[in-house]
Amino acid sequence: MSMEKITIEQAKVYAAQKRIKPGVRKGRTDVVTLFRPELSDRFDEISWERFGQVLQSKGLAVYYDRGFMRLMKA
């Protein structure tokens, strides 16, 4: 499996297809993830803009391969 780094705009497109939203861990502002709201109540939804800011500040990026997205060091 070879993960490819993608932009936030590309991540939005893939996320919309799978009903995935950007979010933060409840009670935290620095632990970001991509999640499905109907499957988890541990996260609060945030804007894509805020999601991108947190990723950048932590040196992370979104990677994609065969339908899966993952947050990893850029």
Protein backbone atom coordinates (compact mmCIF):
# COMPACT_ATOMS: atom_id res chain seq x y z
CA MET A 1 0.00 0.00 0.00
CA SER A 2 1.52 3.30 -1.10
CA MET A 3 -0.15 6.30 0.52
CA GLU A 4 -0.22 9.50 -1.55
CA LYS A 5 -0.22 12.93 0.10
CA ILE A 6 -3.35 14.87 -0.88
CA THR A 7 -4.56 18.43 -0.40
CA ILE A 8 -7.33 19.45 1.98
CA GLU A 9 -9.50 20.15 -1.09
CA GLN A 10 -8.99 16.59 -2.34
CA ALA A 11 -9.69 15.26 1.16
CA LYS A 12 -13.00 17.17 1.16
CA VAL A 13 -14.06 15.38 -2.02
CA TYR A 14 -13.17 11.92 -0.71
CA ALA A 15 -14.74 12.71 2.68
CA ALA A 16 -18.02 13.82 1.08
CA GLN A 17 -18.25 10.49 -0.76
CA LYS A 18 -17.93 8.57 2.52
CA ARG A 19 -19.85 11.00 4.79
CA ILE A 20 -16.67 11.73 6.77
CA LYS A 21 -16.19 15.01 8.68
CA PRO A 22 -13.15 16.72 10.22
CA GLY A 23 -13.24 16.79 14.00
CA VAL A 24 -11.47 17.24 17.30
CA ARG A 25 -11.53 15.02 20.35
CA LYS A 26 -14.18 16.29 22.79
CA GLY A 27 -12.60 18.50 25.41
CA ARG A 28 -9.44 19.06 23.33
CA THR A 29 -8.49 21.49 20.58
CA ASP A 30 -5.33 19.83 19.31
CA VAL A 31 -6.33 16.21 18.60
CA VAL A 32 -7.80 16.12 15.09
CA THR A 33 -9.26 13.26 13.09
CA LEU A 34 -11.60 12.38 10.26
CA PHE A 35 -14.74 10.62 11.49
CA ARG A 36 -18.32 9.67 10.70
CA PRO A 37 -20.59 11.61 13.10
CA GLU A 38 -23.27 8.92 13.15
CA LEU A 39 -20.72 6.32 14.30
CA SER A 40 -18.88 8.23 17.03
CA ASP A 41 -19.83 10.68 19.74
CA ARG A 42 -16.23 11.15 20.95
CA PHE A 43 -15.51 13.98 18.49
CA ASP A 44 -16.84 17.46 17.76
CA GLU A 45 -17.06 18.55 14.13
CA ILE A 46 -14.82 21.44 13.06
CA SER A 47 -14.43 23.41 9.82
CA TRP A 48 -12.13 22.21 7.09
CA GLU A 49 -10.23 25.49 7.49
CA ARG A 50 -9.57 24.81 11.19
CA PHE A 51 -8.68 21.19 10.37
CA GLY A 52 -6.04 22.38 7.87
CA GLN A 53 -4.62 24.88 10.38
CA VAL A 54 -4.19 22.21 13.06
CA LEU A 55 -2.59 19.78 10.60
CA GLN A 56 -0.15 22.45 9.45
CA SER A 57 0.75 23.48 13.01
CA LYS A 58 1.49 19.83 13.90
CA GLY A 59 3.39 19.07 10.68
CA LEU A 60 0.77 16.58 9.52
CA ALA A 61 -0.90 15.93 6.17
CA VAL A 62 -3.71 13.80 4.77
CA TYR A 63 -2.66 10.72 2.81
CA TYR A 64 -4.91 8.58 0.61
CA ASP A 65 -4.80 5.14 -0.94
CA ARG A 66 -7.56 2.91 -2.31
CA GLY A 67 -10.41 4.56 -0.44
CA PHE A 68 -8.62 5.11 2.86
CA MET A 69 -7.44 8.42 4.29
CA ARG A 70 -4.89 8.69 7.05
CA LEU A 71 -3.24 11.56 8.94
CA MET A 72 0.55 11.23 8.98
CA LYS A 73 3.67 13.39 9.28
CA ALA A 74 4.08 15.54 6.19
